[in-house]
Amino acid sequence: MGLGMNKLSIGKVCEIVDLPQSVLRYWETVFEQLNPQKSEGGTRRYSQEDVDMILVIKELLYKKKFTIAGAQSFIAGRTEKKSTSGIGQGELKEIQEELDDILNILTSSKE
């Protein structure tokens, strides 16, 4: 499902991730990593990276039962590790597991 250079509207992203628009708008206020571009008219335009982040946040909050603060810390820690030390073998395994979970979410939502 590569989006390439295409940007998606909030309505389309909500269909993909199965969440209401109000939830995405709220998450934008509490997760600094979720920051979709906005057009001159203020319309949100989501990238593939944004959609991936939404799916990670959804997994942490809804399946792993993290609090918002816990999810913020987890995501911030992942971001800091990647920017300072590159990706280690253990982190690659964790990323693969997360991607598998995301694929399962997307596959099951289409059925």
PDB file of N, CA and C in Angstrom:
ATOM      1  N   MET A   1       0.829  -1.186   0.000  1.00  0.00           N
ATOM      2  CA  MET A   1       0.000   0.000   0.000  1.00  0.00           C
ATOM      3  C   MET A   1       0.872   1.248   0.000  1.00  0.00           C
ATOM      4  N   GLY A   2       1.913   1.311  -0.761  1.00  0.00           N
ATOM      5  CA  GLY A   2       2.780   2.475  -0.791  1.00  0.00           C
ATOM      6  C   GLY A   2       2.050   3.685  -1.347  1.00  0.00           C
ATOM      7  N   LEU A   3       2.119   4.776  -0.610  1.00  0.00           N
ATOM      8  CA  LEU A   3       1.427   5.990  -1.025  1.00  0.00           C
ATOM      9  C   LEU A   3       2.307   6.869  -1.904  1.00  0.00           C
ATOM     10  N   GLY A   4       3.603   6.580  -1.915  1.00  0.00           N
ATOM     11  CA  GLY A   4       4.512   7.374  -2.724  1.00  0.00           C
ATOM     12  C   GLY A   4       4.445   8.836  -2.322  1.00  0.00           C
ATOM     13  N   MET A   5       4.357   9.704  -3.311  1.00  0.00           N
ATOM     14  CA  MET A   5       4.313  11.128  -3.057  1.00  0.00           C
ATOM     15  C   MET A   5       2.893  11.617  -2.796  1.00  0.00           C
ATOM     16  N   ASN A   6       1.909  10.735  -2.925  1.00  0.00           N
ATOM     17  CA  ASN A   6       0.521  11.130  -2.712  1.00  0.00           C
ATOM     18  C   ASN A   6       0.282  11.463  -1.255  1.00  0.00           C
ATOM     19  N   LYS A   7      -0.578  12.422  -1.043  1.00  0.00           N
ATOM     20  CA  LYS A   7      -0.989  12.799   0.301  1.00  0.00           C
ATOM     21  C   LYS A   7      -2.470  12.487   0.418  1.00  0.00           C
ATOM     22  N   LEU A   8      -2.854  11.970   1.571  1.00  0.00           N
ATOM     23  CA  LEU A   8      -4.233  11.553   1.780  1.00  0.00           C
ATOM     24  C   LEU A   8      -4.983  12.528   2.665  1.00  0.00           C
ATOM     25  N   SER A   9      -6.275  12.639   2.415  1.00  0.00           N
ATOM     26  CA  SER A   9      -7.135  13.476   3.245  1.00  0.00           C
ATOM     27  C   SER A   9      -7.396  12.769   4.570  1.00  0.00           C
ATOM     28  N   ILE A  10      -7.866  13.512   5.553  1.00  0.00           N
ATOM     29  CA  ILE A  10      -8.162  12.928   6.848  1.00  0.00           C
ATOM     30  C   ILE A  10      -9.270  11.884   6.723  1.00  0.00           C
ATOM     31  N   GLY A  11     -10.227  12.114   5.846  1.00  0.00           N
ATOM     32  CA  GLY A  11     -11.311  11.150   5.646  1.00  0.00           C
ATOM     33  C   GLY A  11     -10.798   9.812   5.140  1.00  0.00           C
ATOM     34  N   LYS A  12      -9.887   9.842   4.173  1.00  0.00           N
ATOM     35  CA  LYS A  12      -9.318   8.616   3.618  1.00  0.00           C
ATOM     36  C   LYS A  12      -8.467   7.906   4.667  1.00  0.00           C
ATOM     37  N   VAL A  13      -7.680   8.652   5.417  1.00  0.00           N
ATOM     38  CA  VAL A  13      -6.851   8.054   6.458  1.00  0.00           C
ATOM     39  C   VAL A  13      -7.733   7.394   7.516  1.00  0.00           C
ATOM     40  N   CYS A  14      -8.840   8.028   7.868  1.00  0.00           N
ATOM     41  CA  CYS A  14      -9.753   7.448   8.855  1.00  0.00           C
ATOM     42  C   CYS A  14     -10.315   6.118   8.371  1.00  0.00           C
ATOM     43  N   GLU A  15     -10.591   6.013   7.076  1.00  0.00           N
ATOM     44  CA  GLU A  15     -11.041   4.736   6.513  1.00  0.00           C
ATOM     45  C   GLU A  15      -9.933   3.682   6.634  1.00  0.00           C
ATOM     46  N   ILE A  16      -8.715   4.058   6.329  1.00  0.00           N
ATOM     47  CA  ILE A  16      -7.592   3.124   6.344  1.00  0.00           C
ATOM     48  C   ILE A  16      -7.321   2.613   7.754  1.00  0.00           C
ATOM     49  N   VAL A  17      -7.305   3.513   8.724  1.00  0.00           N
ATOM     50  CA  VAL A  17      -6.910   3.137  10.089  1.00  0.00           C
ATOM     51  C   VAL A  17      -8.103   2.830  10.990  1.00  0.00           C
ATOM     52  N   ASP A  18      -9.313   3.008  10.475  1.00  0.00           N
ATOM     53  CA  ASP A  18     -10.541   2.710  11.213  1.00  0.00           C
ATOM     54  C   ASP A  18     -10.623   3.474  12.530  1.00  0.00           C
ATOM     55  N   LEU A  19     -10.494   4.794  12.415  1.00  0.00           N
ATOM     56  CA  LEU A  19     -10.620   5.689  13.565  1.00  0.00           C
ATOM     57  C   LEU A  19     -11.406   6.923  13.145  1.00  0.00           C
ATOM     58  N   PRO A  20     -12.129   7.547  14.076  1.00  0.00           N
ATOM     59  CA  PRO A  20     -12.833   8.789  13.740  1.00  0.00           C
ATOM     60  C   PRO A  20     -11.865   9.973  13.588  1.00  0.00           C
ATOM     61  N   GLN A  21     -12.292  10.960  12.819  1.00  0.00           N
ATOM     62  CA  GLN A  21     -11.459  12.150  12.594  1.00  0.00           C
ATOM     63  C   GLN A  21     -11.107  12.845  13.901  1.00  0.00           C
ATOM     64  N   SER A  22     -12.028  12.870  14.836  1.00  0.00           N
ATOM     65  CA  SER A  22     -11.773  13.554  16.108  1.00  0.00           C
ATOM     66  C   SER A  22     -10.585  12.928  16.852  1.00  0.00           C
ATOM     67  N   VAL A  23     -10.445  11.618  16.747  1.00  0.00           N
ATOM     68  CA  VAL A  23      -9.313  10.940  17.398  1.00  0.00           C
ATOM     69  C   VAL A  23      -8.003  11.372  16.748  1.00  0.00           C
ATOM     70  N   LEU A  24      -7.962  11.402  15.417  1.00  0.00           N
ATOM     71  CA  LEU A  24      -6.726  11.819  14.742  1.00  0.00           C
ATOM     72  C   LEU A  24      -6.376  13.262  15.082  1.00  0.00           C
ATOM     73  N   ARG A  25      -7.372  14.119  15.114  1.00  0.00           N
ATOM     74  CA  ARG A  25      -7.103  15.525  15.457  1.00  0.00           C
ATOM     75  C   ARG A  25      -6.553  15.640  16.874  1.00  0.00           C
ATOM     76  N   TYR A  26      -7.123  14.859  17.788  1.00  0.00           N
ATOM     77  CA  TYR A  26      -6.629  14.888  19.163  1.00  0.00           C
ATOM     78  C   TYR A  26      -5.194  14.372  19.230  1.00  0.00           C
ATOM     79  N   TRP A  27      -4.934  13.238  18.571  1.00  0.00           N
ATOM     80  CA  TRP A  27      -3.585  12.676  18.610  1.00  0.00           C
ATOM     81  C   TRP A  27      -2.557  13.655  18.072  1.00  0.00           C
ATOM     82  N   GLU A  28      -2.933  14.472  17.095  1.00  0.00           N
ATOM     83  CA  GLU A  28      -2.003  15.483  16.574  1.00  0.00           C
ATOM     84  C   GLU A  28      -1.593  16.463  17.667  1.00  0.00           C
ATOM     85  N   THR A  29      -2.463  16.679  18.649  1.00  0.00           N
ATOM     86  CA  THR A  29      -2.142  17.634  19.716  1.00  0.00           C
ATOM     87  C   THR A  29      -1.267  17.026  20.801  1.00  0.00           C
ATOM     88  N   VAL A  30      -1.239  15.690  20.919  1.00  0.00           N
ATOM     89  CA  VAL A  30      -0.483  15.067  22.000  1.00  0.00           C
ATOM     90  C   VAL A  30       0.733  14.263  21.533  1.00  0.00           C
ATOM     91  N   PHE A  31       0.834  13.977  20.235  1.00  0.00           N
ATOM     92  CA  PHE A  31       1.986  13.251  19.705  1.00  0.00           C
ATOM     93  C   PHE A  31       2.696  14.154  18.707  1.00  0.00           C
ATOM     94  N   GLU A  32       3.854  14.686  19.109  1.00  0.00           N
ATOM     95  CA  GLU A  32       4.566  15.626  18.244  1.00  0.00           C
ATOM     96  C   GLU A  32       5.046  14.975  16.952  1.00  0.00           C
ATOM     97  N   GLN A  33       5.189  13.645  16.958  1.00  0.00           N
ATOM     98  CA  GLN A  33       5.645  12.946  15.757  1.00  0.00           C
ATOM     99  C   GLN A  33       4.542  12.872  14.697  1.00  0.00           C
ATOM    100  N   LEU A  34       3.319  13.127  15.082  1.00  0.00           N
ATOM    101  CA  LEU A  34       2.202  13.099  14.152  1.00  0.00           C
ATOM    102  C   LEU A  34       1.873  14.539  13.775  1.00  0.00           C
ATOM    103  N   ASN A  35       2.343  14.924  12.604  1.00  0.00           N
ATOM    104  CA  ASN A  35       2.214  16.317  12.194  1.00  0.00           C
ATOM    105  C   ASN A  35       1.988  16.389  10.683  1.00  0.00           C
ATOM    106  N   PRO A  36       0.762  16.087  10.236  1.00  0.00           N
ATOM    107  CA  PRO A  36       0.516  16.112   8.793  1.00  0.00           C
ATOM    108  C   PRO A  36       0.651  17.523   8.231  1.00  0.00           C
ATOM    109  N   GLN A  37       1.014  17.579   6.964  1.00  0.00           N
ATOM    110  CA  GLN A  37       1.080  18.882   6.299  1.00  0.00           C
ATOM    111  C   GLN A  37      -0.329  19.445   6.187  1.00  0.00           C
ATOM    112  N   LYS A  38      -0.411  20.750   6.119  1.00  0.00           N
ATOM    113  CA  LYS A  38      -1.707  21.386   5.919  1.00  0.00           C
ATOM    114  C   LYS A  38      -1.622  22.279   4.691  1.00  0.00           C
ATOM    115  N   SER A  39      -2.689  22.235   3.899  1.00  0.00           N
ATOM    116  CA  SER A  39      -2.747  23.075   2.706  1.00  0.00           C
ATOM    117  C   SER A  39      -2.976  24.521   3.127  1.00  0.00           C
ATOM    118  N   GLU A  40      -2.937  25.428   2.157  1.00  0.00           N
ATOM    119  CA  GLU A  40      -3.185  26.837   2.467  1.00  0.00           C
ATOM    120  C   GLU A  40      -4.556  27.029   3.098  1.00  0.00           C
ATOM    121  N   GLY A  41      -5.498  26.181   2.711  1.00  0.00           N
ATOM    122  CA  GLY A  41      -6.850  26.257   3.272  1.00  0.00           C
ATOM    123  C   GLY A  41      -7.000  25.543   4.600  1.00  0.00           C
ATOM    124  N   GLY A  42      -5.913  24.926   5.097  1.00  0.00           N
ATOM    125  CA  GLY A  42      -5.942  24.264   6.394  1.00  0.00           C
ATOM    126  C   GLY A  42      -6.327  22.790   6.335  1.00  0.00           C
ATOM    127  N   THR A  43      -6.467  22.233   5.119  1.00  0.00           N
ATOM    128  CA  THR A  43      -6.812  20.820   4.981  1.00  0.00           C
ATOM    129  C   THR A  43      -5.602  19.960   5.304  1.00  0.00           C
ATOM    130  N   ARG A  44      -5.811  18.961   6.159  1.00  0.00           N
ATOM    131  CA  ARG A  44      -4.725  18.043   6.516  1.00  0.00           C
ATOM    132  C   ARG A  44      -4.413  17.132   5.335  1.00  0.00           C
ATOM    133  N   ARG A  45      -3.117  16.903   5.091  1.00  0.00           N
ATOM    134  CA  ARG A  45      -2.660  16.000   4.031  1.00  0.00           C
ATOM    135  C   ARG A  45      -1.651  15.038   4.660  1.00  0.00           C
ATOM    136  N   TYR A  46      -2.031  13.779   4.765  1.00  0.00           N
ATOM    137  CA  TYR A  46      -1.229  12.765   5.449  1.00  0.00           C
ATOM    138  C   TYR A  46      -0.330  12.010   4.482  1.00  0.00           C
ATOM    139  N   SER A  47       0.905  11.770   4.910  1.00  0.00           N
ATOM    140  CA  SER A  47       1.868  10.979   4.145  1.00  0.00           C
ATOM    141  C   SER A  47       1.817   9.527   4.625  1.00  0.00           C
ATOM    142  N   GLN A  48       2.529   8.653   3.931  1.00  0.00           N
ATOM    143  CA  GLN A  48       2.636   7.256   4.374  1.00  0.00           C
ATOM    144  C   GLN A  48       3.252   7.196   5.773  1.00  0.00           C
ATOM    145  N   GLU A  49       4.247   8.036   6.033  1.00  0.00           N
ATOM    146  CA  GLU A  49       4.879   8.076   7.352  1.00  0.00           C
ATOM    147  C   GLU A  49       3.861   8.440   8.435  1.00  0.00           C
ATOM    148  N   ASP A  50       2.968   9.391   8.137  1.00  0.00           N
ATOM    149  CA  ASP A  50       1.918   9.771   9.086  1.00  0.00           C
ATOM    150  C   ASP A  50       0.983   8.591   9.363  1.00  0.00           C
ATOM    151  N   VAL A  51       0.580   7.889   8.309  1.00  0.00           N
ATOM    152  CA  VAL A  51      -0.319   6.745   8.455  1.00  0.00           C
ATOM    153  C   VAL A  51       0.367   5.660   9.285  1.00  0.00           C
ATOM    154  N   ASP A  52       1.639   5.412   9.014  1.00  0.00           N
ATOM    155  CA  ASP A  52       2.387   4.422   9.790  1.00  0.00           C
ATOM    156  C   ASP A  52       2.430   4.808  11.269  1.00  0.00           C
ATOM    157  N   MET A  53       2.659   6.080  11.550  1.00  0.00           N
ATOM    158  CA  MET A  53       2.711   6.551  12.936  1.00  0.00           C
ATOM    159  C   MET A  53       1.347   6.387  13.605  1.00  0.00           C
ATOM    160  N   ILE A  54       0.278   6.689  12.890  1.00  0.00           N
ATOM    161  CA  ILE A  54      -1.070   6.519  13.445  1.00  0.00           C
ATOM    162  C   ILE A  54      -1.302   5.059  13.818  1.00  0.00           C
ATOM    163  N   LEU A  55      -0.870   4.145  12.957  1.00  0.00           N
ATOM    164  CA  LEU A  55      -1.055   2.719  13.236  1.00  0.00           C
ATOM    165  C   LEU A  55      -0.228   2.266  14.441  1.00  0.00           C
ATOM    166  N   VAL A  56       0.959   2.820  14.602  1.00  0.00           N
ATOM    167  CA  VAL A  56       1.780   2.500  15.777  1.00  0.00           C
ATOM    168  C   VAL A  56       1.086   3.027  17.035  1.00  0.00           C
ATOM    169  N   ILE A  57       0.610   4.255  16.992  1.00  0.00           N
ATOM    170  CA  ILE A  57      -0.079   4.840  18.147  1.00  0.00           C
ATOM    171  C   ILE A  57      -1.320   4.017  18.491  1.00  0.00           C
ATOM    172  N   LYS A  58      -2.093   3.648  17.471  1.00  0.00           N
ATOM    173  CA  LYS A  58      -3.301   2.845  17.693  1.00  0.00           C
ATOM    174  C   LYS A  58      -2.939   1.518  18.356  1.00  0.00           C
ATOM    175  N   GLU A  59      -1.894   0.873  17.879  1.00  0.00           N
ATOM    176  CA  GLU A  59      -1.439  -0.402  18.446  1.00  0.00           C
ATOM    177  C   GLU A  59      -1.068  -0.226  19.921  1.00  0.00           C
ATOM    178  N   LEU A  60      -0.301   0.817  20.213  1.00  0.00           N
ATOM    179  CA  LEU A  60       0.139   1.043  21.590  1.00  0.00           C
ATOM    180  C   LEU A  60      -1.034   1.325  22.525  1.00  0.00           C
ATOM    181  N   LEU A  61      -1.958   2.173  22.083  1.00  0.00           N
ATOM    182  CA  LEU A  61      -3.060   2.578  22.951  1.00  0.00           C
ATOM    183  C   LEU A  61      -4.157   1.523  23.049  1.00  0.00           C
ATOM    184  N   TYR A  62      -4.543   0.943  21.937  1.00  0.00           N
ATOM    185  CA  TYR A  62      -5.707   0.072  21.917  1.00  0.00           C
ATOM    186  C   TYR A  62      -5.379  -1.393  22.187  1.00  0.00           C
ATOM    187  N   LYS A  63      -4.257  -1.878  21.682  1.00  0.00           N
ATOM    188  CA  LYS A  63      -3.926  -3.298  21.854  1.00  0.00           C
ATOM    189  C   LYS A  63      -2.992  -3.532  23.036  1.00  0.00           C
ATOM    190  N   LYS A  64      -1.969  -2.691  23.142  1.00  0.00           N
ATOM    191  CA  LYS A  64      -0.997  -2.892  24.224  1.00  0.00           C
ATOM    192  C   LYS A  64      -1.402  -2.139  25.486  1.00  0.00           C
ATOM    193  N   LYS A  65      -2.477  -1.360  25.404  1.00  0.00           N
ATOM    194  CA  LYS A  65      -3.068  -0.670  26.562  1.00  0.00           C
ATOM    195  C   LYS A  65      -2.130   0.337  27.231  1.00  0.00           C
ATOM    196  N   PHE A  66      -1.275   0.976  26.438  1.00  0.00           N
ATOM    197  CA  PHE A  66      -0.428   2.043  26.960  1.00  0.00           C
ATOM    198  C   PHE A  66      -1.312   3.245  27.305  1.00  0.00           C
ATOM    199  N   THR A  67      -0.883   4.026  28.276  1.00  0.00           N
ATOM    200  CA  THR A  67      -1.490   5.337  28.477  1.00  0.00           C
ATOM    201  C   THR A  67      -0.945   6.267  27.399  1.00  0.00           C
ATOM    202  N   ILE A  68      -1.538   7.431  27.264  1.00  0.00           N
ATOM    203  CA  ILE A  68      -1.008   8.397  26.286  1.00  0.00           C
ATOM    204  C   ILE A  68       0.429   8.758  26.652  1.00  0.00           C
ATOM    205  N   ALA A  69       0.679   9.019  27.932  1.00  0.00           N
ATOM    206  CA  ALA A  69       2.034   9.370  28.363  1.00  0.00           C
ATOM    207  C   ALA A  69       3.004   8.225  28.086  1.00  0.00           C
ATOM    208  N   GLY A  70       2.572   7.000  28.329  1.00  0.00           N
ATOM    209  CA  GLY A  70       3.424   5.848  28.059  1.00  0.00           C
ATOM    210  C   GLY A  70       3.736   5.700  26.583  1.00  0.00           C
ATOM    211  N   ALA A  71       2.716   5.898  25.756  1.00  0.00           N
ATOM    212  CA  ALA A  71       2.917   5.818  24.303  1.00  0.00           C
ATOM    213  C   ALA A  71       3.845   6.932  23.829  1.00  0.00           C
ATOM    214  N   GLN A  72       3.680   8.137  24.389  1.00  0.00           N
ATOM    215  CA  GLN A  72       4.564   9.248  24.029  1.00  0.00           C
ATOM    216  C   GLN A  72       6.014   8.898  24.355  1.00  0.00           C
ATOM    217  N   SER A  73       6.243   8.354  25.541  1.00  0.00           N
ATOM    218  CA  SER A  73       7.599   7.989  25.956  1.00  0.00           C
ATOM    219  C   SER A  73       8.173   6.897  25.066  1.00  0.00           C
ATOM    220  N   PHE A  74       7.358   5.885  24.773  1.00  0.00           N
ATOM    221  CA  PHE A  74       7.808   4.784  23.927  1.00  0.00           C
ATOM    222  C   PHE A  74       8.214   5.290  22.549  1.00  0.00           C
ATOM    223  N   ILE A  75       7.369   6.117  21.944  1.00  0.00           N
ATOM    224  CA  ILE A  75       7.642   6.640  20.604  1.00  0.00           C
ATOM    225  C   ILE A  75       8.850   7.577  20.631  1.00  0.00           C
ATOM    226  N   ALA A  76       8.926   8.424  21.645  1.00  0.00           N
ATOM    227  CA  ALA A  76      10.064   9.343  21.755  1.00  0.00           C
ATOM    228  C   ALA A  76      11.363   8.561  21.926  1.00  0.00           C
ATOM    229  N   GLY A  77      11.339   7.488  22.693  1.00  0.00           N
ATOM    230  CA  GLY A  77      12.521   6.654  22.884  1.00  0.00           C
ATOM    231  C   GLY A  77      12.957   5.994  21.598  1.00  0.00           C
ATOM    232  N   ARG A  78      11.993   5.513  20.824  1.00  0.00           N
ATOM    233  CA  ARG A  78      12.312   4.894  19.529  1.00  0.00           C
ATOM    234  C   ARG A  78      12.922   5.920  18.594  1.00  0.00           C
ATOM    235  N   THR A  79      12.348   7.099  18.560  1.00  0.00           N
ATOM    236  CA  THR A  79      12.829   8.158  17.674  1.00  0.00           C
ATOM    237  C   THR A  79      14.250   8.560  18.071  1.00  0.00           C
ATOM    238  N   GLU A  80      14.494   8.697  19.372  1.00  0.00           N
ATOM    239  CA  GLU A  80      15.819   9.088  19.858  1.00  0.00           C
ATOM    240  C   GLU A  80      16.856   8.013  19.538  1.00  0.00           C
ATOM    241  N   LYS A  81      16.512   6.734  19.737  1.00  0.00           N
ATOM    242  CA  LYS A  81      17.437   5.647  19.436  1.00  0.00           C
ATOM    243  C   LYS A  81      17.836   5.663  17.968  1.00  0.00           C
ATOM    244  N   LYS A  82      16.862   5.844  17.100  1.00  0.00           N
ATOM    245  CA  LYS A  82      17.140   5.820  15.663  1.00  0.00           C
ATOM    246  C   LYS A  82      18.033   6.977  15.258  1.00  0.00           C
ATOM    247  N   SER A  83      17.826   8.137  15.871  1.00  0.00           N
ATOM    248  CA  SER A  83      18.592   9.298  15.440  1.00  0.00           C
ATOM    249  C   SER A  83      20.002   9.300  16.017  1.00  0.00           C
ATOM    250  N   THR A  84      20.226   8.601  17.135  1.00  0.00           N
ATOM    251  CA  THR A  84      21.551   8.661  17.745  1.00  0.00           C
ATOM    252  C   THR A  84      22.408   7.429  17.488  1.00  0.00           C
ATOM    253  N   SER A  85      21.788   6.270  17.336  1.00  0.00           N
ATOM    254  CA  SER A  85      22.614   5.065  17.248  1.00  0.00           C
ATOM    255  C   SER A  85      22.339   4.207  16.023  1.00  0.00           C
ATOM    256  N   GLY A  86      21.553   4.652  15.115  1.00  0.00           N
ATOM    257  CA  GLY A  86      21.212   3.816  13.976  1.00  0.00           C
ATOM    258  C   GLY A  86      20.272   2.711  14.406  1.00  0.00           C
ATOM    259  N   ILE A  87      20.130   1.698  13.584  1.00  0.00           N
ATOM    260  CA  ILE A  87      19.215   0.610  13.890  1.00  0.00           C
ATOM    261  C   ILE A  87      20.025  -0.641  14.186  1.00  0.00           C
ATOM    262  N   GLY A  88      19.850  -1.177  15.392  1.00  0.00           N
ATOM    263  CA  GLY A  88      20.528  -2.406  15.790  1.00  0.00           C
ATOM    264  C   GLY A  88      19.701  -3.621  15.415  1.00  0.00           C
ATOM    265  N   GLN A  89      20.274  -4.796  15.597  1.00  0.00           N
ATOM    266  CA  GLN A  89      19.609  -6.043  15.240  1.00  0.00           C
ATOM    267  C   GLN A  89      18.322  -6.242  16.026  1.00  0.00           C
ATOM    268  N   GLY A  90      18.357  -5.970  17.339  1.00  0.00           N
ATOM    269  CA  GLY A  90      17.154  -6.118  18.161  1.00  0.00           C
ATOM    270  C   GLY A  90      16.053  -5.169  17.726  1.00  0.00           C
ATOM    271  N   GLU A  91      16.440  -3.963  17.375  1.00  0.00           N
ATOM    272  CA  GLU A  91      15.467  -2.981  16.940  1.00  0.00           C
ATOM    273  C   GLU A  91      14.853  -3.374  15.596  1.00  0.00           C
ATOM    274  N   LEU A  92      15.660  -3.977  14.722  1.00  0.00           N
ATOM    275  CA  LEU A  92      15.129  -4.449  13.438  1.00  0.00           C
ATOM    276  C   LEU A  92      14.051  -5.504  13.667  1.00  0.00           C
ATOM    277  N   LYS A  93      14.276  -6.407  14.620  1.00  0.00           N
ATOM    278  CA  LYS A  93      13.290  -7.445  14.932  1.00  0.00           C
ATOM    279  C   LYS A  93      12.015  -6.798  15.464  1.00  0.00           C
ATOM    280  N   GLU A  94      12.152  -5.807  16.343  1.00  0.00           N
ATOM    281  CA  GLU A  94      10.998  -5.107  16.896  1.00  0.00           C
ATOM    282  C   GLU A  94      10.216  -4.389  15.791  1.00  0.00           C
ATOM    283  N   ILE A  95      10.929  -3.751  14.884  1.00  0.00           N
ATOM    284  CA  ILE A  95      10.280  -3.060  13.771  1.00  0.00           C
ATOM    285  C   ILE A  95       9.542  -4.059  12.893  1.00  0.00           C
ATOM    286  N   GLN A  96      10.174  -5.190  12.611  1.00  0.00           N
ATOM    287  CA  GLN A  96       9.526  -6.222  11.792  1.00  0.00           C
ATOM    288  C   GLN A  96       8.244  -6.709  12.458  1.00  0.00           C
ATOM    289  N   GLU A  97       8.285  -6.917  13.780  1.00  0.00           N
ATOM    290  CA  GLU A  97       7.088  -7.359  14.502  1.00  0.00           C
ATOM    291  C   GLU A  97       5.987  -6.306  14.426  1.00  0.00           C
ATOM    292  N   GLU A  98       6.355  -5.037  14.566  1.00  0.00           N
ATOM    293  CA  GLU A  98       5.369  -3.961  14.471  1.00  0.00           C
ATOM    294  C   GLU A  98       4.770  -3.890  13.066  1.00  0.00           C
ATOM    295  N   LEU A  99       5.614  -4.040  12.055  1.00  0.00           N
ATOM    296  CA  LEU A  99       5.115  -4.027  10.682  1.00  0.00           C
ATOM    297  C   LEU A  99       4.188  -5.202  10.422  1.00  0.00           C
ATOM    298  N   ASP A 100       4.519  -6.365  10.979  1.00  0.00           N
ATOM    299  CA  ASP A 100       3.630  -7.528  10.851  1.00  0.00           C
ATOM    300  C   ASP A 100       2.280  -7.245  11.506  1.00  0.00           C
ATOM    301  N   ASP A 101       2.310  -6.608  12.692  1.00  0.00           N
ATOM    302  CA  ASP A 101       1.063  -6.249  13.374  1.00  0.00           C
ATOM    303  C   ASP A 101       0.245  -5.273  12.533  1.00  0.00           C
ATOM    304  N   ILE A 102       0.915  -4.288  11.948  1.00  0.00           N
ATOM    305  CA  ILE A 102       0.233  -3.306  11.108  1.00  0.00           C
ATOM    306  C   ILE A 102      -0.389  -3.990   9.899  1.00  0.00           C
ATOM    307  N   LEU A 103       0.359  -4.883   9.279  1.00  0.00           N
ATOM    308  CA  LEU A 103      -0.165  -5.626   8.126  1.00  0.00           C
ATOM    309  C   LEU A 103      -1.398  -6.429   8.539  1.00  0.00           C
ATOM    310  N   ASN A 104      -1.357  -7.065   9.697  1.00  0.00           N
ATOM    311  CA  ASN A 104      -2.509  -7.818  10.180  1.00  0.00           C
ATOM    312  C   ASN A 104      -3.715  -6.915  10.398  1.00  0.00           C
ATOM    313  N   ILE A 105      -3.479  -5.723  10.950  1.00  0.00           N
ATOM    314  CA  ILE A 105      -4.567  -4.771  11.171  1.00  0.00           C
ATOM    315  C   ILE A 105      -5.180  -4.379   9.829  1.00  0.00           C
ATOM    316  N   LEU A 106      -4.331  -4.035   8.860  1.00  0.00           N
ATOM    317  CA  LEU A 106      -4.832  -3.615   7.553  1.00  0.00           C
ATOM    318  C   LEU A 106      -5.549  -4.752   6.839  1.00  0.00           C
ATOM    319  N   THR A 107      -5.017  -5.949   6.919  1.00  0.00           N
ATOM    320  CA  THR A 107      -5.622  -7.101   6.256  1.00  0.00           C
ATOM    321  C   THR A 107      -6.965  -7.434   6.870  1.00  0.00           C
ATOM    322  N   SER A 108      -7.044  -7.418   8.209  1.00  0.00           N
ATOM    323  CA  SER A 108      -8.303  -7.773   8.859  1.00  0.00           C
ATOM    324  C   SER A 108      -9.362  -6.690   8.670  1.00  0.00           C
ATOM    325  N   SER A 109      -8.954  -5.445   8.499  1.00  0.00           N
ATOM    326  CA  SER A 109      -9.950  -4.376   8.313  1.00  0.00           C
ATOM    327  C   SER A 109     -10.561  -4.383   6.931  1.00  0.00           C
ATOM    328  N   LYS A 110      -9.933  -5.076   5.974  1.00  0.00           N
ATOM    329  CA  LYS A 110     -10.466  -5.143   4.608  1.00  0.00           C
ATOM    330  C   LYS A 110     -11.434  -6.300   4.433  1.00  0.00           C
ATOM    331  N   GLU A 111     -11.480  -7.208   5.406  1.00  0.00           N
ATOM    332  CA  GLU A 111     -12.350  -8.386   5.294  1.00  0.00           C
ATOM    333  C   GLU A 111     -13.759  -8.069   5.699  1.00  0.00           C
TER     334      GLU A 111
END
